[in-house]
PDB file of N, CA and C in Angstrom:
ATOM      1  N   MET A   1       0.813  -1.256  -0.077  1.00  0.00           N
ATOM      2  CA  MET A   1       0.026   0.149   0.115  1.00  0.00           C
ATOM      3  C   MET A   1       0.810   1.156  -0.078  1.00  0.00           C
ATOM      4  N   ALA A   2       0.681   2.272  -0.592  1.00  0.00           N
ATOM      5  CA  ALA A   2       1.363   3.190  -1.100  1.00  0.00           C
ATOM      6  C   ALA A   2       0.980   4.267  -0.010  1.00  0.00           C
ATOM      7  N   ASP A   3       1.963   5.120   0.863  1.00  0.00           N
ATOM      8  CA  ASP A   3       1.967   5.664   1.422  1.00  0.00           C
ATOM      9  C   ASP A   3       1.276   6.657   1.366  1.00  0.00           C
ATOM     10  N   THR A   4       0.343   7.420   0.445  1.00  0.00           N
ATOM     11  CA  THR A   4      -0.599   8.340   0.286  1.00  0.00           C
ATOM     12  C   THR A   4      -2.094   7.466   0.584  1.00  0.00           C
ATOM     13  N   GLU A   5      -2.035   6.048  -0.080  1.00  0.00           N
ATOM     14  CA  GLU A   5      -3.633   5.321   0.537  1.00  0.00           C
ATOM     15  C   GLU A   5      -3.087   5.341   2.267  1.00  0.00           C
ATOM     16  N   ARG A   6      -2.863   4.749   3.224  1.00  0.00           N
ATOM     17  CA  ARG A   6      -2.253   4.637   3.826  1.00  0.00           C
ATOM     18  C   ARG A   6      -2.926   5.698   4.986  1.00  0.00           C
ATOM     19  N   VAL A   7      -1.900   7.243   4.077  1.00  0.00           N
ATOM     20  CA  VAL A   7      -2.508   8.717   5.109  1.00  0.00           C
ATOM     21  C   VAL A   7      -3.872   8.578   4.225  1.00  0.00           C
ATOM     22  N   ASP A   8      -4.502   8.337   3.354  1.00  0.00           N
ATOM     23  CA  ASP A   8      -6.020   8.602   3.336  1.00  0.00           C
ATOM     24  C   ASP A   8      -6.642   7.961   3.857  1.00  0.00           C
ATOM     25  N   SER A   9      -6.546   5.977   3.888  1.00  0.00           N
ATOM     26  CA  SER A   9      -7.241   5.605   5.232  1.00  0.00           C
ATOM     27  C   SER A   9      -7.525   5.415   6.425  1.00  0.00           C
ATOM     28  N   GLY A  10      -6.078   6.187   6.835  1.00  0.00           N
ATOM     29  CA  GLY A  10      -6.065   6.863   7.922  1.00  0.00           C
ATOM     30  C   GLY A  10      -7.118   8.005   8.227  1.00  0.00           C
ATOM     31  N   ILE A  11      -7.148   9.213   8.007  1.00  0.00           N
ATOM     32  CA  ILE A  11      -8.198  10.268   7.268  1.00  0.00           C
ATOM     33  C   ILE A  11      -9.681   9.413   7.392  1.00  0.00           C
ATOM     34  N   ALA A  12      -9.029   8.428   6.690  1.00  0.00           N
ATOM     35  CA  ALA A  12     -10.885   8.618   6.509  1.00  0.00           C
ATOM     36  C   ALA A  12     -11.471   7.444   8.271  1.00  0.00           C
ATOM     37  N   ALA A  13     -10.745   6.944   8.959  1.00  0.00           N
ATOM     38  CA  ALA A  13     -10.670   6.366  10.210  1.00  0.00           C
ATOM     39  C   ALA A  13     -11.249   7.477  10.556  1.00  0.00           C
ATOM     40  N   GLN A  14     -10.508   8.399  11.002  1.00  0.00           N
ATOM     41  CA  GLN A  14     -10.663   9.959  12.176  1.00  0.00           C
ATOM     42  C   GLN A  14     -12.106  10.126  11.820  1.00  0.00           C
ATOM     43  N   LEU A  15     -12.234   9.802  10.661  1.00  0.00           N
ATOM     44  CA  LEU A  15     -12.907  11.217   9.919  1.00  0.00           C
ATOM     45  C   LEU A  15     -15.247  10.134  10.870  1.00  0.00           C
ATOM     46  N   THR A  16     -14.868   8.478  10.188  1.00  0.00           N
ATOM     47  CA  THR A  16     -15.885   8.056  10.870  1.00  0.00           C
ATOM     48  C   THR A  16     -16.057   7.732  12.421  1.00  0.00           C
ATOM     49  N   VAL A  17     -14.598   7.763  13.348  1.00  0.00           N
ATOM     50  CA  VAL A  17     -14.412   7.897  14.893  1.00  0.00           C
ATOM     51  C   VAL A  17     -15.299   9.367  15.197  1.00  0.00           C
ATOM     52  N   ARG A  18     -15.277  10.670  14.082  1.00  0.00           N
ATOM     53  CA  ARG A  18     -15.684  11.563  14.758  1.00  0.00           C
ATOM     54  C   ARG A  18     -16.785  12.168  14.602  1.00  0.00           C
ATOM     55  N   ALA A  19     -17.512  10.928  13.409  1.00  0.00           N
ATOM     56  CA  ALA A  19     -19.088  11.269  12.985  1.00  0.00           C
ATOM     57  C   ALA A  19     -19.637  10.371  14.113  1.00  0.00           C
ATOM     58  N   GLU A  20     -19.528   9.381  14.393  1.00  0.00           N
ATOM     59  CA  GLU A  20     -19.970   8.317  15.380  1.00  0.00           C
ATOM     60  C   GLU A  20     -19.791   9.328  17.107  1.00  0.00           C
ATOM     61  N   VAL A  21     -18.789  10.001  17.205  1.00  0.00           N
ATOM     62  CA  VAL A  21     -18.524  10.639  18.239  1.00  0.00           C
ATOM     63  C   VAL A  21     -20.029  11.328  18.584  1.00  0.00           C
ATOM     64  N   LEU A  22     -20.113  12.808  17.679  1.00  0.00           N
ATOM     65  CA  LEU A  22     -20.594  13.523  17.412  1.00  0.00           C
ATOM     66  C   LEU A  22     -22.463  13.168  17.183  1.00  0.00           C
ATOM     67  N   ARG A  23     -22.512  11.472  16.983  1.00  0.00           N
ATOM     68  CA  ARG A  23     -23.805  11.227  16.859  1.00  0.00           C
ATOM     69  C   ARG A  23     -24.361  10.895  17.780  1.00  0.00           C
ATOM     70  N   ALA A  24     -23.286  10.274  18.798  1.00  0.00           N
ATOM     71  CA  ALA A  24     -23.913   9.901  19.898  1.00  0.00           C
ATOM     72  C   ALA A  24     -23.951  10.810  21.231  1.00  0.00           C
ATOM     73  N   ARG A  25     -23.239  11.584  20.789  1.00  0.00           N
ATOM     74  CA  ARG A  25     -23.405  13.227  21.710  1.00  0.00           C
ATOM     75  C   ARG A  25     -24.997  13.741  21.536  1.00  0.00           C
ATOM     76  N   TYR A  26     -25.327  14.237  20.291  1.00  0.00           N
ATOM     77  CA  TYR A  26     -26.313  14.469  20.250  1.00  0.00           C
ATOM     78  C   TYR A  26     -27.804  13.771  20.615  1.00  0.00           C
ATOM     79  N   ARG A  27     -27.529  12.212  20.216  1.00  0.00           N
ATOM     80  CA  ARG A  27     -28.402  11.312  20.296  1.00  0.00           C
ATOM     81  C   ARG A  27     -28.500  11.253  22.040  1.00  0.00           C
ATOM     82  N   SER A  28     -27.643  11.519  22.669  1.00  0.00           N
ATOM     83  CA  SER A  28     -27.593  11.521  24.300  1.00  0.00           C
ATOM     84  C   SER A  28     -28.332  12.059  24.708  1.00  0.00           C
ATOM     85  N   ARG A  29     -28.612  13.539  24.319  1.00  0.00           N
ATOM     86  CA  ARG A  29     -28.979  14.394  25.045  1.00  0.00           C
ATOM     87  C   ARG A  29     -30.907  14.822  24.050  1.00  0.00           C
ATOM     88  N   LEU A  30     -31.382  14.146  23.980  1.00  0.00           N
ATOM     89  CA  LEU A  30     -32.347  14.157  23.097  1.00  0.00           C
ATOM     90  C   LEU A  30     -33.532  14.015  24.033  1.00  0.00           C
ATOM     91  N   PRO A  31     -34.592  14.600  24.509  1.00  0.00           N
ATOM     92  CA  PRO A  31     -35.793  14.648  25.090  1.00  0.00           C
ATOM     93  C   PRO A  31     -36.471  13.044  24.903  1.00  0.00           C
ATOM     94  N   LYS A  32     -36.791  12.727  25.768  1.00  0.00           N
ATOM     95  CA  LYS A  32     -38.036  11.206  25.359  1.00  0.00           C
ATOM     96  C   LYS A  32     -38.411  11.253  24.312  1.00  0.00           C
ATOM     97  N   SER A  33     -39.516  12.578  24.393  1.00  0.00           N
ATOM     98  CA  SER A  33     -40.262  12.991  22.685  1.00  0.00           C
ATOM     99  C   SER A  33     -40.387  14.688  22.791  1.00  0.00           C
ATOM    100  N   LEU A  34     -41.327  15.214  22.028  1.00  0.00           N
ATOM    101  CA  LEU A  34     -41.417  16.287  21.410  1.00  0.00           C
ATOM    102  C   LEU A  34     -42.235  17.076  22.489  1.00  0.00           C
ATOM    103  N   ASP A  35     -43.293  16.982  23.363  1.00  0.00           N
ATOM    104  CA  ASP A  35     -43.653  16.985  24.561  1.00  0.00           C
ATOM    105  C   ASP A  35     -43.472  17.310  25.408  1.00  0.00           C
ATOM    106  N   ASP A  36     -42.050  17.137  25.944  1.00  0.00           N
ATOM    107  CA  ASP A  36     -40.999  17.446  26.633  1.00  0.00           C
ATOM    108  C   ASP A  36     -40.189  18.615  26.744  1.00  0.00           C
ATOM    109  N   LEU A  37     -40.561  19.285  25.411  1.00  0.00           N
ATOM    110  CA  LEU A  37     -40.064  20.424  24.981  1.00  0.00           C
ATOM    111  C   LEU A  37     -41.105  21.373  25.514  1.00  0.00           C
ATOM    112  N   ASP A  38     -40.925  22.259  26.695  1.00  0.00           N
ATOM    113  CA  ASP A  38     -41.916  22.720  27.796  1.00  0.00           C
ATOM    114  C   ASP A  38     -41.152  24.227  27.255  1.00  0.00           C
ATOM    115  N   GLY A  39     -40.092  24.263  26.225  1.00  0.00           N
ATOM    116  CA  GLY A  39     -40.085  26.001  26.167  1.00  0.00           C
ATOM    117  C   GLY A  39     -41.018  27.431  26.390  1.00  0.00           C
ATOM    118  N   PRO A  40     -40.559  28.537  26.734  1.00  0.00           N
ATOM    119  CA  PRO A  40     -41.418  29.455  26.265  1.00  0.00           C
ATOM    120  C   PRO A  40     -41.598  29.178  24.828  1.00  0.00           C
ATOM    121  N   ASP A  41     -42.847  30.252  24.056  1.00  0.00           N
ATOM    122  CA  ASP A  41     -43.350  30.598  22.842  1.00  0.00           C
ATOM    123  C   ASP A  41     -43.648  31.740  22.794  1.00  0.00           C
ATOM    124  N   HIS A  42     -43.342  32.924  23.874  1.00  0.00           N
ATOM    125  CA  HIS A  42     -43.091  34.238  23.218  1.00  0.00           C
ATOM    126  C   HIS A  42     -42.225  34.583  24.680  1.00  0.00           C
ATOM    127  N   GLY A  43     -41.451  36.111  24.073  1.00  0.00           N
ATOM    128  CA  GLY A  43     -41.068  36.470  25.743  1.00  0.00           C
ATOM    129  C   GLY A  43     -39.227  37.106  24.634  1.00  0.00           C
ATOM    130  N   VAL A  44     -38.668  36.945  25.404  1.00  0.00           N
ATOM    131  CA  VAL A  44     -37.439  37.515  25.423  1.00  0.00           C
ATOM    132  C   VAL A  44     -36.610  36.242  26.139  1.00  0.00           C
ATOM    133  N   VAL A  45     -35.879  35.208  25.589  1.00  0.00           N
ATOM    134  CA  VAL A  45     -35.283  34.120  25.915  1.00  0.00           C
ATOM    135  C   VAL A  45     -33.483  34.725  26.336  1.00  0.00           C
ATOM    136  N   ASP A  46     -32.973  34.747  27.711  1.00  0.00           N
ATOM    137  CA  ASP A  46     -31.455  34.444  27.762  1.00  0.00           C
ATOM    138  C   ASP A  46     -30.734  33.235  27.524  1.00  0.00           C
ATOM    139  N   LEU A  47     -29.948  33.008  26.879  1.00  0.00           N
ATOM    140  CA  LEU A  47     -29.341  31.637  26.965  1.00  0.00           C
ATOM    141  C   LEU A  47     -28.551  31.242  27.814  1.00  0.00           C
ATOM    142  N   PRO A  48     -28.274  30.654  28.502  1.00  0.00           N
ATOM    143  CA  PRO A  48     -26.933  30.748  29.166  1.00  0.00           C
ATOM    144  C   PRO A  48     -25.776  30.551  28.717  1.00  0.00           C
ATOM    145  N   LEU A  49     -24.663  31.059  28.960  1.00  0.00           N
ATOM    146  CA  LEU A  49     -22.948  30.820  28.745  1.00  0.00           C
ATOM    147  C   LEU A  49     -22.410  29.925  28.156  1.00  0.00           C
ATOM    148  N   HIS A  50     -23.090  28.642  28.652  1.00  0.00           N
ATOM    149  CA  HIS A  50     -22.544  27.822  28.273  1.00  0.00           C
ATOM    150  C   HIS A  50     -23.410  26.838  26.662  1.00  0.00           C
ATOM    151  N   VAL A  51     -24.005  27.782  26.349  1.00  0.00           N
ATOM    152  CA  VAL A  51     -24.823  27.625  25.505  1.00  0.00           C
ATOM    153  C   VAL A  51     -24.562  28.202  24.355  1.00  0.00           C
ATOM    154  N   VAL A  52     -24.307  29.516  24.651  1.00  0.00           N
ATOM    155  CA  VAL A  52     -23.857  30.844  23.798  1.00  0.00           C
ATOM    156  C   VAL A  52     -22.715  31.538  24.552  1.00  0.00           C
ATOM    157  N   TRP A  53     -21.553  30.877  24.450  1.00  0.00           N
ATOM    158  CA  TRP A  53     -20.368  31.566  25.119  1.00  0.00           C
ATOM    159  C   TRP A  53     -20.292  33.605  24.195  1.00  0.00           C
ATOM    160  N   SER A  54     -20.260  33.604  23.272  1.00  0.00           N
ATOM    161  CA  SER A  54     -19.947  35.140  22.868  1.00  0.00           C
ATOM    162  C   SER A  54     -21.108  35.442  21.660  1.00  0.00           C
ATOM    163  N   GLY A  55     -21.032  36.542  21.614  1.00  0.00           N
ATOM    164  CA  GLY A  55     -21.874  37.345  20.903  1.00  0.00           C
ATOM    165  C   GLY A  55     -23.341  37.545  21.394  1.00  0.00           C
ATOM    166  N   ARG A  56     -24.366  36.982  21.023  1.00  0.00           N
ATOM    167  CA  ARG A  56     -26.021  37.578  21.259  1.00  0.00           C
ATOM    168  C   ARG A  56     -26.090  36.365  22.032  1.00  0.00           C
ATOM    169  N   THR A  57     -26.854  37.013  23.173  1.00  0.00           N
ATOM    170  CA  THR A  57     -26.776  36.253  24.511  1.00  0.00           C
ATOM    171  C   THR A  57     -28.963  36.138  24.752  1.00  0.00           C
ATOM    172  N   SER A  58     -28.988  37.671  24.124  1.00  0.00           N
ATOM    173  CA  SER A  58     -30.874  37.094  24.221  1.00  0.00           C
ATOM    174  C   SER A  58     -31.866  37.564  23.181  1.00  0.00           C
ATOM    175  N   PHE A  59     -32.767  36.460  22.740  1.00  0.00           N
ATOM    176  CA  PHE A  59     -33.353  36.257  21.723  1.00  0.00           C
ATOM    177  C   PHE A  59     -34.783  36.665  21.797  1.00  0.00           C
ATOM    178  N   PRO A  60     -35.501  37.602  20.738  1.00  0.00           N
ATOM    179  CA  PRO A  60     -36.718  37.867  21.224  1.00  0.00           C
ATOM    180  C   PRO A  60     -37.373  36.841  20.299  1.00  0.00           C
ATOM    181  N   LEU A  61     -38.089  36.242  21.169  1.00  0.00           N
ATOM    182  CA  LEU A  61     -39.337  35.024  20.002  1.00  0.00           C
ATOM    183  C   LEU A  61     -39.879  35.425  19.277  1.00  0.00           C
ATOM    184  N   ASP A  62     -40.416  36.479  18.937  1.00  0.00           N
ATOM    185  CA  ASP A  62     -41.447  37.418  18.657  1.00  0.00           C
ATOM    186  C   ASP A  62     -40.894  38.215  16.450  1.00  0.00           C
ATOM    187  N   ARG A  63     -39.754  37.610  17.052  1.00  0.00           N
ATOM    188  CA  ARG A  63     -38.092  38.089  15.630  1.00  0.00           C
ATOM    189  C   ARG A  63     -38.135  36.790  14.847  1.00  0.00           C
ATOM    190  N   PRO A  64     -38.777  36.114  13.976  1.00  0.00           N
ATOM    191  CA  PRO A  64     -37.927  34.726  13.244  1.00  0.00           C
ATOM    192  C   PRO A  64     -36.756  34.820  13.098  1.00  0.00           C
ATOM    193  N   ARG A  65     -35.931  35.772  12.794  1.00  0.00           N
ATOM    194  CA  ARG A  65     -34.908  35.720  12.363  1.00  0.00           C
ATOM    195  C   ARG A  65     -33.983  35.176  14.213  1.00  0.00           C
ATOM    196  N   ALA A  66     -34.549  36.134  14.712  1.00  0.00           N
ATOM    197  CA  ALA A  66     -33.450  35.858  16.475  1.00  0.00           C
ATOM    198  C   ALA A  66     -34.002  33.921  16.784  1.00  0.00           C
ATOM    199  N   GLN A  67     -35.301  33.841  16.539  1.00  0.00           N
ATOM    200  CA  GLN A  67     -35.831  32.854  17.405  1.00  0.00           C
ATOM    201  C   GLN A  67     -35.123  32.341  16.874  1.00  0.00           C
ATOM    202  N   MET A  68     -35.060  31.686  15.246  1.00  0.00           N
ATOM    203  CA  MET A  68     -34.345  30.841  14.522  1.00  0.00           C
ATOM    204  C   MET A  68     -32.965  30.403  14.807  1.00  0.00           C
ATOM    205  N   SER A  69     -32.145  32.043  15.595  1.00  0.00           N
ATOM    206  CA  SER A  69     -30.465  31.964  15.719  1.00  0.00           C
ATOM    207  C   SER A  69     -31.002  30.647  17.354  1.00  0.00           C
ATOM    208  N   LEU A  70     -31.817  31.214  18.108  1.00  0.00           N
ATOM    209  CA  LEU A  70     -31.800  30.509  19.480  1.00  0.00           C
ATOM    210  C   LEU A  70     -31.465  29.069  19.386  1.00  0.00           C
ATOM    211  N   TYR A  71     -32.764  28.479  18.705  1.00  0.00           N
ATOM    212  CA  TYR A  71     -32.794  26.800  18.166  1.00  0.00           C
ATOM    213  C   TYR A  71     -31.502  26.464  17.499  1.00  0.00           C
ATOM    214  N   ARG A  72     -31.295  26.868  16.704  1.00  0.00           N
ATOM    215  CA  ARG A  72     -29.931  26.406  15.889  1.00  0.00           C
ATOM    216  C   ARG A  72     -28.943  26.394  17.045  1.00  0.00           C
ATOM    217  N   ALA A  73     -29.178  27.495  17.751  1.00  0.00           N
ATOM    218  CA  ALA A  73     -27.530  27.587  19.047  1.00  0.00           C
ATOM    219  C   ALA A  73     -28.171  26.546  19.932  1.00  0.00           C
ATOM    220  N   VAL A  74     -29.530  26.348  20.365  1.00  0.00           N
ATOM    221  CA  VAL A  74     -29.884  25.200  21.573  1.00  0.00           C
ATOM    222  C   VAL A  74     -29.556  23.664  21.197  1.00  0.00           C
ATOM    223  N   LEU A  75     -29.645  23.317  19.862  1.00  0.00           N
ATOM    224  CA  LEU A  75     -29.986  22.468  19.062  1.00  0.00           C
ATOM    225  C   LEU A  75     -28.096  21.672  19.298  1.00  0.00           C
ATOM    226  N   ALA A  76     -27.614  22.980  18.675  1.00  0.00           N
ATOM    227  CA  ALA A  76     -25.817  22.242  18.687  1.00  0.00           C
ATOM    228  C   ALA A  76     -25.427  22.301  20.405  1.00  0.00           C
ATOM    229  N   GLU A  77     -25.599  23.386  20.730  1.00  0.00           N
ATOM    230  CA  GLU A  77     -24.770  23.200  22.397  1.00  0.00           C
ATOM    231  C   GLU A  77     -25.574  22.862  23.397  1.00  0.00           C
ATOM    232  N   GLY A  78     -26.820  23.020  23.607  1.00  0.00           N
ATOM    233  CA  GLY A  78     -27.612  22.489  24.849  1.00  0.00           C
ATOM    234  C   GLY A  78     -27.292  20.945  25.282  1.00  0.00           C
ATOM    235  N   GLN A  79     -27.727  21.299  26.602  1.00  0.00           N
ATOM    236  CA  GLN A  79     -27.680  19.613  27.290  1.00  0.00           C
ATOM    237  C   GLN A  79     -29.233  19.244  27.302  1.00  0.00           C
ATOM    238  N   HIS A  80     -29.755  18.507  27.660  1.00  0.00           N
ATOM    239  CA  HIS A  80     -30.788  17.536  27.709  1.00  0.00           C
ATOM    240  C   HIS A  80     -31.668  18.717  28.376  1.00  0.00           C
ATOM    241  N   ASP A  81     -31.093  19.447  29.729  1.00  0.00           N
ATOM    242  CA  ASP A  81     -32.226  19.968  30.479  1.00  0.00           C
ATOM    243  C   ASP A  81     -32.239  21.416  29.580  1.00  0.00           C
ATOM    244  N   ASP A  82     -31.230  22.001  29.381  1.00  0.00           N
ATOM    245  CA  ASP A  82     -31.449  22.659  28.071  1.00  0.00           C
ATOM    246  C   ASP A  82     -32.303  22.702  27.071  1.00  0.00           C
ATOM    247  N   LEU A  83     -32.443  21.814  26.095  1.00  0.00           N
ATOM    248  CA  LEU A  83     -33.227  21.457  25.294  1.00  0.00           C
ATOM    249  C   LEU A  83     -35.242  21.938  25.729  1.00  0.00           C
ATOM    250  N   THR A  84     -35.069  20.967  26.884  1.00  0.00           N
ATOM    251  CA  THR A  84     -36.290  20.625  27.902  1.00  0.00           C
ATOM    252  C   THR A  84     -36.900  22.509  27.902  1.00  0.00           C
ATOM    253  N   MET A  85     -36.322  22.947  28.380  1.00  0.00           N
ATOM    254  CA  MET A  85     -36.943  24.399  29.443  1.00  0.00           C
ATOM    255  C   MET A  85     -36.290  25.441  28.198  1.00  0.00           C
ATOM    256  N   LEU A  86     -35.834  25.465  27.147  1.00  0.00           N
ATOM    257  CA  LEU A  86     -35.656  26.060  26.442  1.00  0.00           C
ATOM    258  C   LEU A  86     -36.202  26.075  24.765  1.00  0.00           C
ATOM    259  N   LEU A  87     -36.666  24.760  24.651  1.00  0.00           N
ATOM    260  CA  LEU A  87     -37.704  24.592  23.187  1.00  0.00           C
ATOM    261  C   LEU A  87     -38.724  24.493  23.211  1.00  0.00           C
ATOM    262  N   ASN A  88     -39.655  24.690  22.694  1.00  0.00           N
ATOM    263  CA  ASN A  88     -40.768  24.825  22.668  1.00  0.00           C
ATOM    264  C   ASN A  88     -41.813  23.622  21.073  1.00  0.00           C
ATOM    265  N   ARG A  89     -41.844  22.769  21.450  1.00  0.00           N
ATOM    266  CA  ARG A  89     -42.164  22.167  20.816  1.00  0.00           C
ATOM    267  C   ARG A  89     -43.423  22.747  19.282  1.00  0.00           C
ATOM    268  N   ARG A  90     -44.307  23.053  19.594  1.00  0.00           N
ATOM    269  CA  ARG A  90     -44.576  23.938  18.224  1.00  0.00           C
ATOM    270  C   ARG A  90     -44.267  24.387  17.363  1.00  0.00           C
ATOM    271  N   LEU A  91     -42.893  25.890  18.149  1.00  0.00           N
ATOM    272  CA  LEU A  91     -41.744  26.597  17.483  1.00  0.00           C
ATOM    273  C   LEU A  91     -41.291  25.552  17.058  1.00  0.00           C
ATOM    274  N   LEU A  92     -40.580  24.191  17.467  1.00  0.00           N
ATOM    275  CA  LEU A  92     -39.591  23.782  17.081  1.00  0.00           C
ATOM    276  C   LEU A  92     -40.299  23.238  15.432  1.00  0.00           C
ATOM    277  N   LEU A  93     -41.732  22.895  15.451  1.00  0.00           N
ATOM    278  CA  LEU A  93     -42.053  22.099  14.133  1.00  0.00           C
ATOM    279  C   LEU A  93     -42.396  23.132  13.621  1.00  0.00           C
ATOM    280  N   GLY A  94     -42.734  23.853  13.594  1.00  0.00           N
ATOM    281  CA  GLY A  94     -42.784  24.999  12.362  1.00  0.00           C
ATOM    282  C   GLY A  94     -41.482  25.881  12.009  1.00  0.00           C
ATOM    283  N   GLN A  95     -40.657  25.663  12.814  1.00  0.00           N
ATOM    284  CA  GLN A  95     -38.896  25.492  11.779  1.00  0.00           C
ATOM    285  C   GLN A  95     -38.665  25.051  11.320  1.00  0.00           C
ATOM    286  N   TRP A  96     -38.965  23.337  11.718  1.00  0.00           N
ATOM    287  CA  TRP A  96     -37.833  22.615  11.311  1.00  0.00           C
ATOM    288  C   TRP A  96     -37.667  22.211   9.438  1.00  0.00           C
ATOM    289  N   PRO A  97     -38.704  22.518   9.058  1.00  0.00           N
ATOM    290  CA  PRO A  97     -38.024  22.372   7.411  1.00  0.00           C
ATOM    291  C   PRO A  97     -36.995  23.235   6.966  1.00  0.00           C
ATOM    292  N   VAL A  98     -37.031  24.514   7.940  1.00  0.00           N
ATOM    293  CA  VAL A  98     -35.595  25.945   7.216  1.00  0.00           C
ATOM    294  C   VAL A  98     -34.698  25.074   7.996  1.00  0.00           C
ATOM    295  N   LEU A  99     -34.892  24.989   9.595  1.00  0.00           N
ATOM    296  CA  LEU A  99     -33.665  24.765  10.629  1.00  0.00           C
ATOM    297  C   LEU A  99     -32.928  23.508  10.460  1.00  0.00           C
ATOM    298  N   ARG A 100     -33.136  22.663   9.828  1.00  0.00           N
ATOM    299  CA  ARG A 100     -32.757  21.565   9.643  1.00  0.00           C
ATOM    300  C   ARG A 100     -32.116  21.467   8.703  1.00  0.00           C
ATOM    301  N   ARG A 101     -31.498  23.037   7.671  1.00  0.00           N
ATOM    302  CA  ARG A 101     -30.490  22.885   6.383  1.00  0.00           C
ATOM    303  C   ARG A 101     -29.933  23.738   7.249  1.00  0.00           C
ATOM    304  N   LEU A 102     -30.084  24.345   8.420  1.00  0.00           N
ATOM    305  CA  LEU A 102     -29.213  25.636   9.320  1.00  0.00           C
ATOM    306  C   LEU A 102     -28.339  24.845  10.274  1.00  0.00           C
ATOM    307  N   VAL A 103     -28.293  23.573  10.915  1.00  0.00           N
ATOM    308  CA  VAL A 103     -27.994  22.605  11.950  1.00  0.00           C
ATOM    309  C   VAL A 103     -27.127  21.672  10.938  1.00  0.00           C
ATOM    310  N   SER A 104     -26.170  20.854  12.075  1.00  0.00           N
ATOM    311  CA  SER A 104     -25.375  20.401  11.239  1.00  0.00           C
ATOM    312  C   SER A 104     -26.032  18.786  11.101  1.00  0.00           C
ATOM    313  N   PRO A 105     -25.531  18.322  10.262  1.00  0.00           N
ATOM    314  CA  PRO A 105     -26.350  16.995   9.960  1.00  0.00           C
ATOM    315  C   PRO A 105     -26.221  15.923  10.709  1.00  0.00           C
ATOM    316  N   TYR A 106     -25.317  16.105  11.924  1.00  0.00           N
ATOM    317  CA  TYR A 106     -25.471  14.895  12.988  1.00  0.00           C
ATOM    318  C   TYR A 106     -27.101  15.618  13.799  1.00  0.00           C
ATOM    319  N   VAL A 107     -26.835  16.623  14.038  1.00  0.00           N
ATOM    320  CA  VAL A 107     -27.902  17.228  14.899  1.00  0.00           C
ATOM    321  C   VAL A 107     -29.365  16.582  14.495  1.00  0.00           C
ATOM    322  N   ARG A 108     -29.517  17.056  12.996  1.00  0.00           N
ATOM    323  CA  ARG A 108     -30.298  16.788  12.293  1.00  0.00           C
ATOM    324  C   ARG A 108     -30.662  14.937  12.002  1.00  0.00           C
ATOM    325  N   GLU A 109     -29.417  14.598  11.513  1.00  0.00           N
ATOM    326  CA  GLU A 109     -30.536  13.141  11.957  1.00  0.00           C
ATOM    327  C   GLU A 109     -30.558  12.548  12.989  1.00  0.00           C
ATOM    328  N   ALA A 110     -29.984  13.016  14.121  1.00  0.00           N
ATOM    329  CA  ALA A 110     -30.194  12.334  15.518  1.00  0.00           C
ATOM    330  C   ALA A 110     -31.715  12.749  16.098  1.00  0.00           C
ATOM    331  N   TRP A 111     -32.029  14.276  15.810  1.00  0.00           N
ATOM    332  CA  TRP A 111     -33.974  14.592  15.694  1.00  0.00           C
ATOM    333  C   TRP A 111     -34.782  13.911  14.602  1.00  0.00           C
ATOM    334  N   GLU A 112     -34.283  13.893  13.569  1.00  0.00           N
ATOM    335  CA  GLU A 112     -34.967  13.431  12.780  1.00  0.00           C
ATOM    336  C   GLU A 112     -35.427  11.250  12.819  1.00  0.00           C
ATOM    337  N   ASN A 113     -34.457  11.055  13.372  1.00  0.00           N
ATOM    338  CA  ASN A 113     -34.367   9.757  13.259  1.00  0.00           C
ATOM    339  C   ASN A 113     -35.325   9.445  15.022  1.00  0.00           C
ATOM    340  N   ALA A 114     -34.940  10.541  16.219  1.00  0.00           N
ATOM    341  CA  ALA A 114     -35.762  10.261  17.270  1.00  0.00           C
ATOM    342  C   ALA A 114     -37.421  10.775  16.733  1.00  0.00           C
ATOM    343  N   PHE A 115     -37.247  11.059  16.430  1.00  0.00           N
ATOM    344  CA  PHE A 115     -38.840  12.295  15.991  1.00  0.00           C
ATOM    345  C   PHE A 115     -39.489  12.131  14.958  1.00  0.00           C
ATOM    346  N   PRO A 116     -39.920  11.182  14.041  1.00  0.00           N
ATOM    347  CA  PRO A 116     -40.032  10.734  12.902  1.00  0.00           C
ATOM    348  C   PRO A 116     -40.778  11.922  12.152  1.00  0.00           C
ATOM    349  N   GLU A 117     -41.833  12.415  13.049  1.00  0.00           N
ATOM    350  CA  GLU A 117     -42.698  13.541  12.722  1.00  0.00           C
ATOM    351  C   GLU A 117     -41.859  15.255  12.342  1.00  0.00           C
ATOM    352  N   LEU A 118     -40.636  14.976  12.861  1.00  0.00           N
ATOM    353  CA  LEU A 118     -40.026  16.587  12.167  1.00  0.00           C
ATOM    354  C   LEU A 118     -39.757  15.826  11.198  1.00  0.00           C
ATOM    355  N   ALA A 119     -39.000  15.131  10.514  1.00  0.00           N
ATOM    356  CA  ALA A 119     -39.058  14.313   9.295  1.00  0.00           C
ATOM    357  C   ALA A 119     -40.138  15.023   8.412  1.00  0.00           C
ATOM    358  N   ARG A 120     -41.183  14.257   8.997  1.00  0.00           N
ATOM    359  CA  ARG A 120     -42.646  14.478   7.915  1.00  0.00           C
ATOM    360  C   ARG A 120     -42.803  15.825   7.282  1.00  0.00           C
ATOM    361  N   THR A 121     -43.110  16.764   8.660  1.00  0.00           N
ATOM    362  CA  THR A 121     -42.915  18.101   8.508  1.00  0.00           C
ATOM    363  C   THR A 121     -42.278  18.834   7.631  1.00  0.00           C
ATOM    364  N   ALA A 122     -40.600  18.548   7.588  1.00  0.00           N
ATOM    365  CA  ALA A 122     -40.225  18.812   6.646  1.00  0.00           C
ATOM    366  C   ALA A 122     -40.550  18.261   5.228  1.00  0.00           C
ATOM    367  N   SER A 123     -40.717  17.173   5.207  1.00  0.00           N
ATOM    368  CA  SER A 123     -41.167  16.445   3.392  1.00  0.00           C
ATOM    369  C   SER A 123     -42.403  16.946   3.528  1.00  0.00           C
ATOM    370  N   ALA A 124     -43.327  17.795   4.075  1.00  0.00           N
ATOM    371  CA  ALA A 124     -44.371  18.576   4.139  1.00  0.00           C
ATOM    372  C   ALA A 124     -44.221  19.836   3.175  1.00  0.00           C
ATOM    373  N   ALA A 125     -43.403  20.054   3.867  1.00  0.00           N
ATOM    374  CA  ALA A 125     -43.034  21.669   3.337  1.00  0.00           C
ATOM    375  C   ALA A 125     -42.215  21.680   1.857  1.00  0.00           C
ATOM    376  N   ALA A 126     -41.967  20.607   1.759  1.00  0.00           N
ATOM    377  CA  ALA A 126     -40.629  20.517   0.304  1.00  0.00           C
ATOM    378  C   ALA A 126     -42.120  20.806  -0.460  1.00  0.00           C
TER     379      ALA A 126
END
């Protein structure tokens, strides 16, 4: 085997391991049900520093772009309790067709595999 083939296969193996770690990380944070998402559906939400550590930390839910930014940050960085306390089922379902394209493929895969209702919502909107 040539050196470049060894390097390429080593990089591919590292990427596969990284992908599995990310998949497991996002799966482990999921709520049991979308009904567990009991976050606010109006007002201003202030995110904790472990979710958003620089830039904007307050998000008015009546502004669609701010709402989308909040959900994107929480889905990417939030722990289980953050997801259930900060996300709202109705808002997530309404945003999902667009939001699913803004989050990482690992986040999207974890949520759509766990909650087929999200995948159906995205398909219906397409």
